[in-house]
Amino acid sequence: MPPLLSAADRTAFADRLARYAKHENLKRCVVIFHGGEPLLAGAESLVAFANELRAAVGSGTEIDIGLQTNGLLLTKQVLKVFEEEILPFL
């Protein structure tokens, strides 16, 4: 297993989520980044993936983003990136 989700797999997931949200007429869904340690991908990468997901589903479906972490890589800088880039959507 690769240590990180590839760009192709991220895009495939975003596309599949968009199709599912449209098919089921979802107004809101939750995506939790987990499995191993998602912070190994870097805060900017996680923000980019969250933005890709939001763009894929469009304005008709809100996406709540969660993160499961052991906290070892959770720094003030990471929190600042999340606060600036993800919290405005909440």
PDB file of N, CA and C in Angstrom:
ATOM      1  N   MET A   1       0.836  -1.173   0.000  1.00  0.00           N
ATOM      2  CA  MET A   1       0.000   0.000   0.000  1.00  0.00           C
ATOM      3  C   MET A   1       0.889   1.248   0.000  1.00  0.00           C
ATOM      4  N   PRO A   2       0.564   2.202  -0.842  1.00  0.00           N
ATOM      5  CA  PRO A   2       1.335   3.443  -0.821  1.00  0.00           C
ATOM      6  C   PRO A   2       1.031   4.228   0.459  1.00  0.00           C
ATOM      7  N   PRO A   3       1.987   5.006   0.934  1.00  0.00           N
ATOM      8  CA  PRO A   3       1.776   5.738   2.189  1.00  0.00           C
ATOM      9  C   PRO A   3       0.752   6.873   2.061  1.00  0.00           C
ATOM     10  N   LEU A   4       0.552   7.376   0.843  1.00  0.00           N
ATOM     11  CA  LEU A   4      -0.382   8.479   0.627  1.00  0.00           C
ATOM     12  C   LEU A   4      -1.329   8.154  -0.516  1.00  0.00           C
ATOM     13  N   LEU A   5      -2.503   8.732  -0.485  1.00  0.00           N
ATOM     14  CA  LEU A   5      -3.471   8.577  -1.561  1.00  0.00           C
ATOM     15  C   LEU A   5      -2.971   9.354  -2.774  1.00  0.00           C
ATOM     16  N   SER A   6      -2.937   8.701  -3.919  1.00  0.00           N
ATOM     17  CA  SER A   6      -2.427   9.361  -5.129  1.00  0.00           C
ATOM     18  C   SER A   6      -3.412  10.429  -5.617  1.00  0.00           C
ATOM     19  N   ALA A   7      -2.917  11.328  -6.449  1.00  0.00           N
ATOM     20  CA  ALA A   7      -3.766  12.371  -7.025  1.00  0.00           C
ATOM     21  C   ALA A   7      -4.901  11.744  -7.836  1.00  0.00           C
ATOM     22  N   ALA A   8      -4.593  10.683  -8.564  1.00  0.00           N
ATOM     23  CA  ALA A   8      -5.616  10.001  -9.362  1.00  0.00           C
ATOM     24  C   ALA A   8      -6.696   9.398  -8.463  1.00  0.00           C
ATOM     25  N   ASP A   9      -6.297   8.802  -7.345  1.00  0.00           N
ATOM     26  CA  ASP A   9      -7.274   8.217  -6.421  1.00  0.00           C
ATOM     27  C   ASP A   9      -8.097   9.301  -5.724  1.00  0.00           C
ATOM     28  N   ARG A  10      -7.479  10.423  -5.396  1.00  0.00           N
ATOM     29  CA  ARG A  10      -8.227  11.536  -4.800  1.00  0.00           C
ATOM     30  C   ARG A  10      -9.291  12.032  -5.773  1.00  0.00           C
ATOM     31  N   THR A  11      -8.901  12.202  -7.026  1.00  0.00           N
ATOM     32  CA  THR A  11      -9.853  12.675  -8.041  1.00  0.00           C
ATOM     33  C   THR A  11     -10.959  11.655  -8.275  1.00  0.00           C
ATOM     34  N   ALA A  12     -10.606  10.381  -8.316  1.00  0.00           N
ATOM     35  CA  ALA A  12     -11.607   9.328  -8.496  1.00  0.00           C
ATOM     36  C   ALA A  12     -12.605   9.336  -7.342  1.00  0.00           C
ATOM     37  N   PHE A  13     -12.106   9.503  -6.113  1.00  0.00           N
ATOM     38  CA  PHE A  13     -13.008   9.567  -4.962  1.00  0.00           C
ATOM     39  C   PHE A  13     -13.912  10.791  -5.052  1.00  0.00           C
ATOM     40  N   ALA A  14     -13.350  11.929  -5.404  1.00  0.00           N
ATOM     41  CA  ALA A  14     -14.143  13.160  -5.527  1.00  0.00           C
ATOM     42  C   ALA A  14     -15.245  12.988  -6.571  1.00  0.00           C
ATOM     43  N   ASP A  15     -14.903  12.396  -7.700  1.00  0.00           N
ATOM     44  CA  ASP A  15     -15.899  12.163  -8.751  1.00  0.00           C
ATOM     45  C   ASP A  15     -16.995  11.206  -8.288  1.00  0.00           C
ATOM     46  N   ARG A  16     -16.583  10.144  -7.615  1.00  0.00           N
ATOM     47  CA  ARG A  16     -17.578   9.168  -7.139  1.00  0.00           C
ATOM     48  C   ARG A  16     -18.479   9.784  -6.078  1.00  0.00           C
ATOM     49  N   LEU A  17     -17.903  10.568  -5.179  1.00  0.00           N
ATOM     50  CA  LEU A  17     -18.700  11.239  -4.162  1.00  0.00           C
ATOM     51  C   LEU A  17     -19.700  12.194  -4.811  1.00  0.00           C
ATOM     52  N   ALA A  18     -19.247  12.918  -5.819  1.00  0.00           N
ATOM     53  CA  ALA A  18     -20.135  13.857  -6.516  1.00  0.00           C
ATOM     54  C   ALA A  18     -21.300  13.124  -7.172  1.00  0.00           C
ATOM     55  N   ARG A  19     -21.004  12.019  -7.825  1.00  0.00           N
ATOM     56  CA  ARG A  19     -22.081  11.230  -8.462  1.00  0.00           C
ATOM     57  C   ARG A  19     -23.068  10.698  -7.418  1.00  0.00           C
ATOM     58  N   TYR A  20     -22.529  10.197  -6.315  1.00  0.00           N
ATOM     59  CA  TYR A  20     -23.387   9.658  -5.252  1.00  0.00           C
ATOM     60  C   TYR A  20     -24.248  10.769  -4.640  1.00  0.00           C
ATOM     61  N   ALA A  21     -23.637  11.911  -4.349  1.00  0.00           N
ATOM     62  CA  ALA A  21     -24.382  13.023  -3.751  1.00  0.00           C
ATOM     63  C   ALA A  21     -25.514  13.475  -4.663  1.00  0.00           C
ATOM     64  N   LYS A  22     -25.236  13.519  -5.956  1.00  0.00           N
ATOM     65  CA  LYS A  22     -26.269  13.925  -6.916  1.00  0.00           C
ATOM     66  C   LYS A  22     -27.364  12.858  -6.999  1.00  0.00           C
ATOM     67  N   HIS A  23     -26.960  11.594  -7.099  1.00  0.00           N
ATOM     68  CA  HIS A  23     -27.923  10.495  -7.214  1.00  0.00           C
ATOM     69  C   HIS A  23     -28.849  10.438  -6.007  1.00  0.00           C
ATOM     70  N   GLU A  24     -28.285  10.638  -4.819  1.00  0.00           N
ATOM     71  CA  GLU A  24     -29.063  10.543  -3.579  1.00  0.00           C
ATOM     72  C   GLU A  24     -29.637  11.895  -3.140  1.00  0.00           C
ATOM     73  N   ASN A  25     -29.357  12.932  -3.927  1.00  0.00           N
ATOM     74  CA  ASN A  25     -29.821  14.286  -3.611  1.00  0.00           C
ATOM     75  C   ASN A  25     -29.389  14.713  -2.207  1.00  0.00           C
ATOM     76  N   LEU A  26     -28.126  14.446  -1.886  1.00  0.00           N
ATOM     77  CA  LEU A  26     -27.601  14.801  -0.562  1.00  0.00           C
ATOM     78  C   LEU A  26     -27.425  16.301  -0.451  1.00  0.00           C
ATOM     79  N   LYS A  27     -27.858  16.840   0.647  1.00  0.00           N
ATOM     80  CA  LYS A  27     -27.657  18.272   0.927  1.00  0.00           C
ATOM     81  C   LYS A  27     -26.418  18.485   1.789  1.00  0.00           C
ATOM     82  N   ARG A  28     -26.011  17.422   2.483  1.00  0.00           N
ATOM     83  CA  ARG A  28     -24.854  17.518   3.373  1.00  0.00           C
ATOM     84  C   ARG A  28     -24.251  16.135   3.542  1.00  0.00           C
ATOM     85  N   CYS A  29     -22.917  16.091   3.621  1.00  0.00           N
ATOM     86  CA  CYS A  29     -22.229  14.838   3.912  1.00  0.00           C
ATOM     87  C   CYS A  29     -20.972  15.139   4.720  1.00  0.00           C
ATOM     88  N   VAL A  30     -20.377  14.099   5.259  1.00  0.00           N
ATOM     89  CA  VAL A  30     -19.185  14.217   6.084  1.00  0.00           C
ATOM     90  C   VAL A  30     -18.087  13.366   5.477  1.00  0.00           C
ATOM     91  N   VAL A  31     -16.893  13.932   5.383  1.00  0.00           N
ATOM     92  CA  VAL A  31     -15.708  13.195   4.939  1.00  0.00           C
ATOM     93  C   VAL A  31     -14.682  13.290   6.063  1.00  0.00           C
ATOM     94  N   ILE A  32     -14.223  12.142   6.526  1.00  0.00           N
ATOM     95  CA  ILE A  32     -13.224  12.082   7.596  1.00  0.00           C
ATOM     96  C   ILE A  32     -11.916  11.596   7.003  1.00  0.00           C
ATOM     97  N   PHE A  33     -10.876  12.395   7.124  1.00  0.00           N
ATOM     98  CA  PHE A  33      -9.547  11.968   6.707  1.00  0.00           C
ATOM     99  C   PHE A  33      -8.971  11.113   7.843  1.00  0.00           C
ATOM    100  N   HIS A  34      -8.662   9.849   7.530  1.00  0.00           N
ATOM    101  CA  HIS A  34      -8.124   8.939   8.543  1.00  0.00           C
ATOM    102  C   HIS A  34      -7.347   7.834   7.848  1.00  0.00           C
ATOM    103  N   GLY A  35      -6.892   6.902   8.606  1.00  0.00           N
ATOM    104  CA  GLY A  35      -6.170   5.753   8.058  1.00  0.00           C
ATOM    105  C   GLY A  35      -4.683   6.008   8.104  1.00  0.00           C
ATOM    106  N   GLY A  36      -4.000   5.358   8.967  1.00  0.00           N
ATOM    107  CA  GLY A  36      -2.603   5.715   9.176  1.00  0.00           C
ATOM    108  C   GLY A  36      -2.593   7.079   9.848  1.00  0.00           C
ATOM    109  N   GLU A  37      -1.812   7.974   9.336  1.00  0.00           N
ATOM    110  CA  GLU A  37      -1.763   9.340   9.870  1.00  0.00           C
ATOM    111  C   GLU A  37      -1.941  10.323   8.728  1.00  0.00           C
ATOM    112  N   PRO A  38      -3.139  10.886   8.561  1.00  0.00           N
ATOM    113  CA  PRO A  38      -3.393  11.776   7.427  1.00  0.00           C
ATOM    114  C   PRO A  38      -2.500  13.015   7.399  1.00  0.00           C
ATOM    115  N   LEU A  39      -2.024  13.449   8.551  1.00  0.00           N
ATOM    116  CA  LEU A  39      -1.165  14.632   8.570  1.00  0.00           C
ATOM    117  C   LEU A  39       0.182  14.397   7.901  1.00  0.00           C
ATOM    118  N   LEU A  40       0.535  13.131   7.626  1.00  0.00           N
ATOM    119  CA  LEU A  40       1.759  12.861   6.869  1.00  0.00           C
ATOM    120  C   LEU A  40       1.680  13.444   5.465  1.00  0.00           C
ATOM    121  N   ALA A  41       0.468  13.622   4.965  1.00  0.00           N
ATOM    122  CA  ALA A  41       0.275  14.213   3.634  1.00  0.00           C
ATOM    123  C   ALA A  41       0.570  15.713   3.648  1.00  0.00           C
ATOM    124  N   GLY A  42       0.505  16.322   4.810  1.00  0.00           N
ATOM    125  CA  GLY A  42       0.719  17.757   4.930  1.00  0.00           C
ATOM    126  C   GLY A  42      -0.613  18.495   4.965  1.00  0.00           C
ATOM    127  N   ALA A  43      -0.654  19.556   5.737  1.00  0.00           N
ATOM    128  CA  ALA A  43      -1.888  20.327   5.894  1.00  0.00           C
ATOM    129  C   ALA A  43      -2.359  20.900   4.569  1.00  0.00           C
ATOM    130  N   GLU A  44      -1.428  21.417   3.777  1.00  0.00           N
ATOM    131  CA  GLU A  44      -1.805  22.022   2.502  1.00  0.00           C
ATOM    132  C   GLU A  44      -2.414  20.988   1.560  1.00  0.00           C
ATOM    133  N   SER A  45      -1.881  19.778   1.571  1.00  0.00           N
ATOM    134  CA  SER A  45      -2.415  18.704   0.740  1.00  0.00           C
ATOM    135  C   SER A  45      -3.827  18.323   1.182  1.00  0.00           C
ATOM    136  N   LEU A  46      -4.060  18.259   2.476  1.00  0.00           N
ATOM    137  CA  LEU A  46      -5.392  17.939   2.978  1.00  0.00           C
ATOM    138  C   LEU A  46      -6.390  19.041   2.636  1.00  0.00           C
ATOM    139  N   VAL A  47      -5.959  20.281   2.743  1.00  0.00           N
ATOM    140  CA  VAL A  47      -6.824  21.404   2.366  1.00  0.00           C
ATOM    141  C   VAL A  47      -7.144  21.340   0.874  1.00  0.00           C
ATOM    142  N   ALA A  48      -6.140  21.032   0.056  1.00  0.00           N
ATOM    143  CA  ALA A  48      -6.373  20.926  -1.388  1.00  0.00           C
ATOM    144  C   ALA A  48      -7.367  19.807  -1.697  1.00  0.00           C
ATOM    145  N   PHE A  49      -7.262  18.691  -0.985  1.00  0.00           N
ATOM    146  CA  PHE A  49      -8.197  17.583  -1.194  1.00  0.00           C
ATOM    147  C   PHE A  49      -9.600  18.001  -0.761  1.00  0.00           C
ATOM    148  N   ALA A  50      -9.716  18.669   0.378  1.00  0.00           N
ATOM    149  CA  ALA A  50     -11.024  19.150   0.831  1.00  0.00           C
ATOM    150  C   ALA A  50     -11.637  20.085  -0.206  1.00  0.00           C
ATOM    151  N   ASN A  51     -10.821  20.967  -0.758  1.00  0.00           N
ATOM    152  CA  ASN A  51     -11.313  21.888  -1.791  1.00  0.00           C
ATOM    153  C   ASN A  51     -11.723  21.139  -3.056  1.00  0.00           C
ATOM    154  N   GLU A  52     -10.966  20.100  -3.413  1.00  0.00           N
ATOM    155  CA  GLU A  52     -11.312  19.287  -4.580  1.00  0.00           C
ATOM    156  C   GLU A  52     -12.659  18.601  -4.368  1.00  0.00           C
ATOM    157  N   LEU A  53     -12.883  18.086  -3.165  1.00  0.00           N
ATOM    158  CA  LEU A  53     -14.151  17.445  -2.860  1.00  0.00           C
ATOM    159  C   LEU A  53     -15.305  18.432  -2.949  1.00  0.00           C
ATOM    160  N   ARG A  54     -15.121  19.606  -2.374  1.00  0.00           N
ATOM    161  CA  ARG A  54     -16.177  20.621  -2.407  1.00  0.00           C
ATOM    162  C   ARG A  54     -16.482  21.058  -3.837  1.00  0.00           C
ATOM    163  N   ALA A  55     -15.444  21.221  -4.630  1.00  0.00           N
ATOM    164  CA  ALA A  55     -15.653  21.618  -6.027  1.00  0.00           C
ATOM    165  C   ALA A  55     -16.382  20.519  -6.796  1.00  0.00           C
ATOM    166  N   ALA A  56     -16.058  19.276  -6.520  1.00  0.00           N
ATOM    167  CA  ALA A  56     -16.662  18.160  -7.243  1.00  0.00           C
ATOM    168  C   ALA A  56     -18.154  18.055  -6.973  1.00  0.00           C
ATOM    169  N   VAL A  57     -18.565  18.207  -5.710  1.00  0.00           N
ATOM    170  CA  VAL A  57     -19.991  18.064  -5.392  1.00  0.00           C
ATOM    171  C   VAL A  57     -20.782  19.329  -5.720  1.00  0.00           C
ATOM    172  N   GLY A  58     -20.095  20.447  -5.818  1.00  0.00           N
ATOM    173  CA  GLY A  58     -20.764  21.698  -6.150  1.00  0.00           C
ATOM    174  C   GLY A  58     -21.486  22.307  -4.960  1.00  0.00           C
ATOM    175  N   SER A  59     -22.183  23.379  -5.231  1.00  0.00           N
ATOM    176  CA  SER A  59     -22.822  24.141  -4.157  1.00  0.00           C
ATOM    177  C   SER A  59     -24.075  23.471  -3.610  1.00  0.00           C
ATOM    178  N   GLY A  60     -24.554  22.431  -4.260  1.00  0.00           N
ATOM    179  CA  GLY A  60     -25.775  21.766  -3.805  1.00  0.00           C
ATOM    180  C   GLY A  60     -25.587  20.855  -2.610  1.00  0.00           C
ATOM    181  N   THR A  61     -24.342  20.507  -2.293  1.00  0.00           N
ATOM    182  CA  THR A  61     -24.057  19.610  -1.165  1.00  0.00           C
ATOM    183  C   THR A  61     -22.965  20.220  -0.297  1.00  0.00           C
ATOM    184  N   GLU A  62     -23.267  20.406   0.981  1.00  0.00           N
ATOM    185  CA  GLU A  62     -22.250  20.860   1.929  1.00  0.00           C
ATOM    186  C   GLU A  62     -21.427  19.658   2.374  1.00  0.00           C
ATOM    187  N   ILE A  63     -20.129  19.872   2.528  1.00  0.00           N
ATOM    188  CA  ILE A  63     -19.260  18.799   3.019  1.00  0.00           C
ATOM    189  C   ILE A  63     -18.608  19.258   4.317  1.00  0.00           C
ATOM    190  N   ASP A  64     -18.838  18.494   5.379  1.00  0.00           N
ATOM    191  CA  ASP A  64     -18.125  18.701   6.633  1.00  0.00           C
ATOM    192  C   ASP A  64     -16.866  17.850   6.573  1.00  0.00           C
ATOM    193  N   ILE A  65     -15.731  18.458   6.876  1.00  0.00           N
ATOM    194  CA  ILE A  65     -14.451  17.751   6.835  1.00  0.00           C
ATOM    195  C   ILE A  65     -14.003  17.459   8.263  1.00  0.00           C
ATOM    196  N   GLY A  66     -13.628  16.206   8.512  1.00  0.00           N
ATOM    197  CA  GLY A  66     -13.090  15.808   9.803  1.00  0.00           C
ATOM    198  C   GLY A  66     -11.707  15.207   9.634  1.00  0.00           C
ATOM    199  N   LEU A  67     -11.008  15.060  10.722  1.00  0.00           N
ATOM    200  CA  LEU A  67      -9.648  14.530  10.696  1.00  0.00           C
ATOM    201  C   LEU A  67      -9.437  13.674  11.935  1.00  0.00           C
ATOM    202  N   GLN A  68      -9.012  12.438  11.717  1.00  0.00           N
ATOM    203  CA  GLN A  68      -8.655  11.545  12.817  1.00  0.00           C
ATOM    204  C   GLN A  68      -7.139  11.475  12.852  1.00  0.00           C
ATOM    205  N   THR A  69      -6.551  11.904  13.944  1.00  0.00           N
ATOM    206  CA  THR A  69      -5.100  11.951  14.053  1.00  0.00           C
ATOM    207  C   THR A  69      -4.667  11.563  15.460  1.00  0.00           C
ATOM    208  N   ASN A  70      -3.431  11.083  15.569  1.00  0.00           N
ATOM    209  CA  ASN A  70      -2.885  10.825  16.896  1.00  0.00           C
ATOM    210  C   ASN A  70      -2.320  12.106  17.500  1.00  0.00           C
ATOM    211  N   GLY A  71      -2.253  13.162  16.719  1.00  0.00           N
ATOM    212  CA  GLY A  71      -1.862  14.477  17.226  1.00  0.00           C
ATOM    213  C   GLY A  71      -0.373  14.762  17.232  1.00  0.00           C
ATOM    214  N   LEU A  72       0.453  13.781  16.899  1.00  0.00           N
ATOM    215  CA  LEU A  72       1.895  14.006  16.956  1.00  0.00           C
ATOM    216  C   LEU A  72       2.365  15.063  15.961  1.00  0.00           C
ATOM    217  N   LEU A  73       1.701  15.185  14.832  1.00  0.00           N
ATOM    218  CA  LEU A  73       2.103  16.151  13.812  1.00  0.00           C
ATOM    219  C   LEU A  73       1.225  17.406  13.825  1.00  0.00           C
ATOM    220  N   LEU A  74       0.386  17.531  14.828  1.00  0.00           N
ATOM    221  CA  LEU A  74      -0.518  18.666  14.927  1.00  0.00           C
ATOM    222  C   LEU A  74       0.218  19.827  15.600  1.00  0.00           C
ATOM    223  N   THR A  75       0.651  20.757  14.782  1.00  0.00           N
ATOM    224  CA  THR A  75       1.411  21.911  15.273  1.00  0.00           C
ATOM    225  C   THR A  75       0.569  23.179  15.169  1.00  0.00           C
ATOM    226  N   LYS A  76       1.072  24.258  15.730  1.00  0.00           N
ATOM    227  CA  LYS A  76       0.373  25.546  15.614  1.00  0.00           C
ATOM    228  C   LYS A  76       0.245  25.955  14.154  1.00  0.00           C
ATOM    229  N   GLN A  77       1.261  25.669  13.352  1.00  0.00           N
ATOM    230  CA  GLN A  77       1.213  26.017  11.932  1.00  0.00           C
ATOM    231  C   GLN A  77       0.132  25.210  11.205  1.00  0.00           C
ATOM    232  N   VAL A  78       0.030  23.925  11.502  1.00  0.00           N
ATOM    233  CA  VAL A  78      -1.002  23.087  10.893  1.00  0.00           C
ATOM    234  C   VAL A  78      -2.379  23.611  11.284  1.00  0.00           C
ATOM    235  N   LEU A  79      -2.552  23.911  12.555  1.00  0.00           N
ATOM    236  CA  LEU A  79      -3.837  24.444  13.011  1.00  0.00           C
ATOM    237  C   LEU A  79      -4.165  25.769  12.328  1.00  0.00           C
ATOM    238  N   LYS A  80      -3.148  26.596  12.115  1.00  0.00           N
ATOM    239  CA  LYS A  80      -3.362  27.883  11.442  1.00  0.00           C
ATOM    240  C   LYS A  80      -3.830  27.661   9.999  1.00  0.00           C
ATOM    241  N   VAL A  81      -3.192  26.718   9.299  1.00  0.00           N
ATOM    242  CA  VAL A  81      -3.592  26.410   7.921  1.00  0.00           C
ATOM    243  C   VAL A  81      -5.034  25.934   7.895  1.00  0.00           C
ATOM    244  N   PHE A  82      -5.396  25.026   8.784  1.00  0.00           N
ATOM    245  CA  PHE A  82      -6.773  24.526   8.826  1.00  0.00           C
ATOM    246  C   PHE A  82      -7.748  25.641   9.172  1.00  0.00           C
ATOM    247  N   GLU A  83      -7.386  26.477  10.114  1.00  0.00           N
ATOM    248  CA  GLU A  83      -8.264  27.575  10.517  1.00  0.00           C
ATOM    249  C   GLU A  83      -8.507  28.534   9.353  1.00  0.00           C
ATOM    250  N   GLU A  84      -7.463  28.851   8.617  1.00  0.00           N
ATOM    251  CA  GLU A  84      -7.582  29.807   7.514  1.00  0.00           C
ATOM    252  C   GLU A  84      -8.281  29.207   6.307  1.00  0.00           C
ATOM    253  N   GLU A  85      -8.076  27.933   6.056  1.00  0.00           N
ATOM    254  CA  GLU A  85      -8.550  27.326   4.811  1.00  0.00           C
ATOM    255  C   GLU A  85      -9.802  26.481   4.938  1.00  0.00           C
ATOM    256  N   ILE A  86     -10.030  25.883   6.101  1.00  0.00           N
ATOM    257  CA  ILE A  86     -11.184  24.983   6.229  1.00  0.00           C
ATOM    258  C   ILE A  86     -12.295  25.592   7.067  1.00  0.00           C
ATOM    259  N   LEU A  87     -11.958  26.253   8.162  1.00  0.00           N
ATOM    260  CA  LEU A  87     -12.993  26.784   9.036  1.00  0.00           C
ATOM    261  C   LEU A  87     -13.923  27.784   8.373  1.00  0.00           C
ATOM    262  N   PRO A  88     -13.470  28.578   7.400  1.00  0.00           N
ATOM    263  CA  PRO A  88     -14.428  29.500   6.760  1.00  0.00           C
ATOM    264  C   PRO A  88     -15.623  28.782   6.135  1.00  0.00           C
ATOM    265  N   PHE A  89     -15.504  27.493   5.854  1.00  0.00           N
ATOM    266  CA  PHE A  89     -16.607  26.744   5.263  1.00  0.00           C
ATOM    267  C   PHE A  89     -17.632  26.302   6.298  1.00  0.00           C
ATOM    268  N   LEU A  90     -17.262  26.380   7.582  1.00  0.00           N
ATOM    269  CA  LEU A  90     -18.172  25.879   8.625  1.00  0.00           C
ATOM    270  C   LEU A  90     -19.196  26.919   8.996  1.00  0.00           C
TER     271      LEU A  90
END
